Amino acid sequence: MTTDPSVKLRAISGGICVNVIVSAGSSRSEMRGILGGALKVAVRSAPEKGKANAEVEALLAEFFGVGKRSAAVVAGQTSRNKQVQVMGVELSAASARIKTLSP
């Protein structure tokens, strides 16, 4: 297992898995940075009927430059703390992209 020291990011077969902290019901959807070893994400959707999860998936897919169906919440569906699997992105590319969030 390979990890990024600032974000709990690990390589999986065909992609990466990343920890995410979600703020649902925000005024706008955006990547907010890094918090406690996870990506901090805000989404406009309310946390009901999977709407916020779908928006998190779309936001992360766009952030990492892959198709919308390439990102999936794999753990924490009803929690603020989630694990998201993003297929089609290499660990080194994901790590470099995450570093753009640092101040």
N, C-alpha and C. Protein backbone atom coordinates (compact mmCIF):
# COMPACT_ATOMS: atom_id res chain seq x y z
N MET A 1 0.84 -1.18 0.00
CA MET A 1 0.00 0.00 0.00
C MET A 1 0.88 1.24 0.00
N THR A 2 0.60 2.15 -0.92
CA THR A 2 1.33 3.40 -1.02
C THR A 2 0.40 4.52 -0.55
N THR A 3 0.93 5.44 0.22
CA THR A 3 0.08 6.51 0.74
C THR A 3 0.71 7.87 0.53
N ASP A 4 -0.13 8.88 0.45
CA ASP A 4 0.31 10.27 0.41
C ASP A 4 0.35 10.74 1.86
N PRO A 5 1.42 11.44 2.29
CA PRO A 5 1.54 11.82 3.69
C PRO A 5 0.51 12.84 4.17
N SER A 6 -0.06 13.66 3.28
CA SER A 6 -1.00 14.67 3.72
C SER A 6 -2.46 14.21 3.65
N VAL A 7 -2.77 13.34 2.71
CA VAL A 7 -4.12 12.83 2.54
C VAL A 7 -4.04 11.31 2.52
N LYS A 8 -4.98 10.67 3.20
CA LYS A 8 -5.01 9.21 3.18
C LYS A 8 -5.47 8.77 1.79
N LEU A 9 -4.49 8.54 0.95
CA LEU A 9 -4.69 8.22 -0.44
C LEU A 9 -3.98 6.91 -0.71
N ARG A 10 -4.69 5.95 -1.29
CA ARG A 10 -4.01 4.68 -1.55
C ARG A 10 -4.35 4.18 -2.95
N ALA A 11 -3.37 3.50 -3.51
CA ALA A 11 -3.54 2.92 -4.84
C ALA A 11 -4.36 1.64 -4.73
N ILE A 12 -5.27 1.47 -5.67
CA ILE A 12 -6.03 0.23 -5.81
C ILE A 12 -5.90 -0.19 -7.27
N SER A 13 -6.32 -1.36 -7.59
CA SER A 13 -6.23 -1.83 -8.97
C SER A 13 -7.07 -0.94 -9.89
N GLY A 14 -6.41 -0.19 -10.76
CA GLY A 14 -7.10 0.67 -11.72
C GLY A 14 -7.43 2.06 -11.24
N GLY A 15 -7.00 2.42 -10.03
CA GLY A 15 -7.34 3.76 -9.54
C GLY A 15 -6.81 4.04 -8.15
N ILE A 16 -7.56 4.86 -7.42
CA ILE A 16 -7.18 5.26 -6.07
C ILE A 16 -8.39 5.21 -5.15
N CYS A 17 -8.12 5.24 -3.86
CA CYS A 17 -9.16 5.36 -2.84
C CYS A 17 -8.72 6.52 -1.94
N VAL A 18 -9.63 7.44 -1.66
CA VAL A 18 -9.30 8.63 -0.89
C VAL A 18 -10.36 8.87 0.19
N ASN A 19 -9.92 9.35 1.34
CA ASN A 19 -10.84 9.72 2.42
C ASN A 19 -11.33 11.14 2.17
N VAL A 20 -12.63 11.35 2.42
CA VAL A 20 -13.27 12.63 2.14
C VAL A 20 -14.14 13.02 3.32
N ILE A 21 -14.12 14.30 3.68
CA ILE A 21 -15.04 14.85 4.68
C ILE A 21 -15.98 15.77 3.92
N VAL A 22 -17.27 15.54 4.06
CA VAL A 22 -18.27 16.24 3.27
C VAL A 22 -19.11 17.19 4.12
N SER A 23 -19.30 18.40 3.60
CA SER A 23 -20.24 19.36 4.17
C SER A 23 -21.38 19.48 3.16
N ALA A 24 -22.52 18.90 3.48
CA ALA A 24 -23.68 18.94 2.58
C ALA A 24 -24.51 20.18 2.88
N GLY A 25 -25.28 20.62 1.89
CA GLY A 25 -26.15 21.78 2.06
C GLY A 25 -25.39 23.10 2.04
N SER A 26 -24.24 23.12 1.40
CA SER A 26 -23.42 24.33 1.31
C SER A 26 -24.01 25.27 0.25
N SER A 27 -23.56 26.51 0.25
CA SER A 27 -24.04 27.48 -0.74
C SER A 27 -23.50 27.19 -2.13
N ARG A 28 -22.36 26.48 -2.21
CA ARG A 28 -21.83 26.07 -3.52
C ARG A 28 -21.00 24.80 -3.36
N SER A 29 -20.86 24.08 -4.46
CA SER A 29 -20.08 22.85 -4.45
C SER A 29 -18.64 23.19 -4.81
N GLU A 30 -17.71 22.71 -3.96
CA GLU A 30 -16.30 23.01 -4.21
C GLU A 30 -15.39 22.13 -3.36
N MET A 31 -14.15 22.04 -3.81
CA MET A 31 -13.09 21.41 -3.04
C MET A 31 -12.61 22.48 -2.07
N ARG A 32 -12.57 22.16 -0.78
CA ARG A 32 -12.20 23.17 0.21
C ARG A 32 -10.79 23.01 0.75
N GLY A 33 -10.15 21.89 0.47
CA GLY A 33 -8.78 21.70 0.94
C GLY A 33 -8.58 20.36 1.61
N ILE A 34 -7.65 20.36 2.57
CA ILE A 34 -7.28 19.14 3.27
C ILE A 34 -7.53 19.34 4.76
N LEU A 35 -8.15 18.35 5.39
CA LEU A 35 -8.44 18.43 6.82
C LEU A 35 -8.24 17.06 7.44
N GLY A 36 -7.34 16.95 8.37
CA GLY A 36 -7.14 15.70 9.10
C GLY A 36 -6.86 14.49 8.23
N GLY A 37 -6.07 14.67 7.20
CA GLY A 37 -5.72 13.55 6.33
C GLY A 37 -6.78 13.19 5.31
N ALA A 38 -7.77 14.06 5.11
CA ALA A 38 -8.84 13.80 4.15
C ALA A 38 -9.07 15.04 3.29
N LEU A 39 -9.66 14.83 2.13
CA LEU A 39 -10.08 15.95 1.31
C LEU A 39 -11.34 16.54 1.92
N LYS A 40 -11.41 17.84 2.03
CA LYS A 40 -12.59 18.54 2.53
C LYS A 40 -13.38 19.01 1.32
N VAL A 41 -14.65 18.58 1.24
CA VAL A 41 -15.50 18.85 0.08
C VAL A 41 -16.82 19.44 0.57
N ALA A 42 -17.31 20.43 -0.16
CA ALA A 42 -18.63 20.99 0.13
C ALA A 42 -19.53 20.73 -1.09
N VAL A 43 -20.77 20.34 -0.82
CA VAL A 43 -21.74 20.13 -1.90
C VAL A 43 -23.04 20.84 -1.57
N ARG A 44 -23.75 21.27 -2.61
CA ARG A 44 -25.01 21.99 -2.42
C ARG A 44 -26.15 21.06 -2.00
N SER A 45 -26.13 19.86 -2.48
CA SER A 45 -27.23 18.92 -2.22
C SER A 45 -27.38 18.61 -0.74
N ALA A 46 -28.62 18.35 -0.36
CA ALA A 46 -28.90 17.93 1.01
C ALA A 46 -28.52 16.45 1.15
N PRO A 47 -28.17 16.03 2.36
CA PRO A 47 -27.79 14.63 2.57
C PRO A 47 -29.02 13.71 2.67
N GLU A 48 -29.76 13.61 1.58
CA GLU A 48 -30.94 12.77 1.57
C GLU A 48 -31.05 12.02 0.24
N LYS A 49 -31.46 10.78 0.31
CA LYS A 49 -31.69 9.93 -0.86
C LYS A 49 -30.48 9.84 -1.77
N GLY A 50 -29.27 9.94 -1.22
CA GLY A 50 -28.06 9.77 -2.01
C GLY A 50 -27.67 10.95 -2.87
N LYS A 51 -28.40 12.06 -2.76
CA LYS A 51 -28.10 13.23 -3.60
C LYS A 51 -26.73 13.81 -3.32
N ALA A 52 -26.38 13.95 -2.05
CA ALA A 52 -25.07 14.50 -1.70
C ALA A 52 -23.95 13.57 -2.15
N ASN A 53 -24.14 12.26 -1.98
CA ASN A 53 -23.13 11.29 -2.42
C ASN A 53 -22.91 11.38 -3.92
N ALA A 54 -23.98 11.52 -4.69
CA ALA A 54 -23.86 11.63 -6.15
C ALA A 54 -23.10 12.90 -6.52
N GLU A 55 -23.34 13.96 -5.80
CA GLU A 55 -22.64 15.21 -6.08
C GLU A 55 -21.16 15.12 -5.69
N VAL A 56 -20.87 14.44 -4.58
CA VAL A 56 -19.47 14.20 -4.18
C VAL A 56 -18.76 13.42 -5.27
N GLU A 57 -19.39 12.38 -5.77
CA GLU A 57 -18.79 11.56 -6.82
C GLU A 57 -18.50 12.39 -8.07
N ALA A 58 -19.46 13.21 -8.48
CA ALA A 58 -19.28 14.05 -9.67
C ALA A 58 -18.16 15.07 -9.46
N LEU A 59 -18.12 15.67 -8.28
CA LEU A 59 -17.11 16.68 -7.98
C LEU A 59 -15.71 16.08 -7.98
N LEU A 60 -15.55 14.91 -7.36
CA LEU A 60 -14.24 14.26 -7.34
C LEU A 60 -13.83 13.76 -8.72
N ALA A 61 -14.77 13.27 -9.49
CA ALA A 61 -14.46 12.83 -10.85
C ALA A 61 -13.93 14.01 -11.67
N GLU A 62 -14.60 15.14 -11.56
CA GLU A 62 -14.15 16.34 -12.27
C GLU A 62 -12.78 16.79 -11.76
N PHE A 63 -12.60 16.80 -10.46
CA PHE A 63 -11.33 17.23 -9.86
C PHE A 63 -10.15 16.38 -10.36
N PHE A 64 -10.35 15.07 -10.44
CA PHE A 64 -9.29 14.17 -10.87
C PHE A 64 -9.25 13.95 -12.39
N GLY A 65 -10.18 14.57 -13.11
CA GLY A 65 -10.16 14.51 -14.57
C GLY A 65 -10.58 13.19 -15.17
N VAL A 66 -11.56 12.55 -14.55
CA VAL A 66 -12.09 11.29 -15.08
C VAL A 66 -13.60 11.44 -15.29
N GLY A 67 -14.21 10.45 -15.94
CA GLY A 67 -15.65 10.48 -16.18
C GLY A 67 -16.45 10.39 -14.89
N LYS A 68 -17.67 10.90 -14.91
CA LYS A 68 -18.53 10.91 -13.72
C LYS A 68 -18.75 9.53 -13.12
N ARG A 69 -18.83 8.51 -13.96
CA ARG A 69 -19.07 7.16 -13.47
C ARG A 69 -17.80 6.50 -12.92
N SER A 70 -16.69 7.22 -12.95
CA SER A 70 -15.42 6.66 -12.48
C SER A 70 -15.21 6.84 -10.98
N ALA A 71 -16.07 7.63 -10.33
CA ALA A 71 -15.95 7.86 -8.88
C ALA A 71 -17.16 7.26 -8.17
N ALA A 72 -16.90 6.61 -7.03
CA ALA A 72 -17.99 6.00 -6.27
C ALA A 72 -17.69 6.03 -4.78
N VAL A 73 -18.68 6.40 -3.99
CA VAL A 73 -18.56 6.33 -2.54
C VAL A 73 -18.63 4.85 -2.17
N VAL A 74 -17.58 4.33 -1.54
CA VAL A 74 -17.53 2.91 -1.20
C VAL A 74 -17.68 2.65 0.30
N ALA A 75 -17.59 3.69 1.10
CA ALA A 75 -17.80 3.54 2.55
C ALA A 75 -18.25 4.89 3.11
N GLY A 76 -19.13 4.84 4.09
CA GLY A 76 -19.60 6.06 4.74
C GLY A 76 -20.76 6.71 4.02
N GLN A 77 -21.60 5.93 3.38
CA GLN A 77 -22.72 6.48 2.60
C GLN A 77 -23.60 7.43 3.42
N THR A 78 -23.77 7.18 4.72
CA THR A 78 -24.63 8.03 5.54
C THR A 78 -23.84 8.87 6.53
N SER A 79 -22.54 8.96 6.33
CA SER A 79 -21.67 9.70 7.23
C SER A 79 -21.02 10.88 6.51
N ARG A 80 -20.55 11.84 7.26
CA ARG A 80 -19.75 12.94 6.67
C ARG A 80 -18.40 12.42 6.20
N ASN A 81 -17.89 11.41 6.88
CA ASN A 81 -16.59 10.83 6.56
C ASN A 81 -16.80 9.67 5.60
N LYS A 82 -16.25 9.80 4.41
CA LYS A 82 -16.46 8.81 3.36
C LYS A 82 -15.14 8.33 2.78
N GLN A 83 -15.19 7.19 2.14
CA GLN A 83 -14.10 6.72 1.30
C GLN A 83 -14.65 6.69 -0.11
N VAL A 84 -13.90 7.32 -1.01
CA VAL A 84 -14.33 7.38 -2.40
C VAL A 84 -13.28 6.72 -3.27
N GLN A 85 -13.74 5.86 -4.14
CA GLN A 85 -12.87 5.17 -5.09
C GLN A 85 -12.97 5.92 -6.41
N VAL A 86 -11.80 6.26 -6.97
CA VAL A 86 -11.75 6.95 -8.26
C VAL A 86 -10.93 6.09 -9.22
N MET A 87 -11.58 5.61 -10.25
CA MET A 87 -10.92 4.74 -11.22
C MET A 87 -10.37 5.58 -12.37
N GLY A 88 -9.27 5.09 -12.96
CA GLY A 88 -8.70 5.77 -14.12
C GLY A 88 -7.72 6.86 -13.80
N VAL A 89 -7.28 6.94 -12.55
CA VAL A 89 -6.27 7.94 -12.17
C VAL A 89 -5.17 7.23 -11.40
N GLU A 90 -3.94 7.57 -11.70
CA GLU A 90 -2.80 6.96 -11.02
C GLU A 90 -2.51 7.71 -9.73
N LEU A 91 -1.91 7.01 -8.80
CA LEU A 91 -1.59 7.58 -7.49
C LEU A 91 -0.75 8.84 -7.61
N SER A 92 0.27 8.81 -8.44
CA SER A 92 1.16 9.98 -8.57
C SER A 92 0.40 11.18 -9.13
N ALA A 93 -0.47 10.97 -10.10
CA ALA A 93 -1.25 12.06 -10.67
C ALA A 93 -2.25 12.60 -9.65
N ALA A 94 -2.88 11.71 -8.89
CA ALA A 94 -3.83 12.13 -7.87
C ALA A 94 -3.13 12.93 -6.78
N SER A 95 -1.97 12.46 -6.37
CA SER A 95 -1.20 13.16 -5.34
C SER A 95 -0.80 14.55 -5.81
N ALA A 96 -0.36 14.66 -7.06
CA ALA A 96 0.01 15.96 -7.62
C ALA A 96 -1.18 16.89 -7.68
N ARG A 97 -2.33 16.35 -8.04
CA ARG A 97 -3.56 17.16 -8.13
C ARG A 97 -3.97 17.64 -6.74
N ILE A 98 -3.86 16.80 -5.75
CA ILE A 98 -4.23 17.17 -4.37
C ILE A 98 -3.31 18.28 -3.86
N LYS A 99 -2.06 18.24 -4.24
CA LYS A 99 -1.10 19.27 -3.78
C LYS A 99 -1.50 20.66 -4.27
N THR A 100 -2.30 20.77 -5.32
CA THR A 100 -2.75 22.07 -5.79
C THR A 100 -3.73 22.71 -4.80
N LEU A 101 -4.27 21.93 -3.87
CA LEU A 101 -5.20 22.46 -2.87
C LEU A 101 -4.49 23.11 -1.71
N SER A 102 -3.22 22.79 -1.53
CA SER A 102 -2.46 23.32 -0.39
C SER A 102 -2.20 24.80 -0.58
N PRO A 103 -2.28 25.56 0.53
CA PRO A 103 -2.05 27.01 0.43
C PRO A 103 -0.64 27.37 0.07
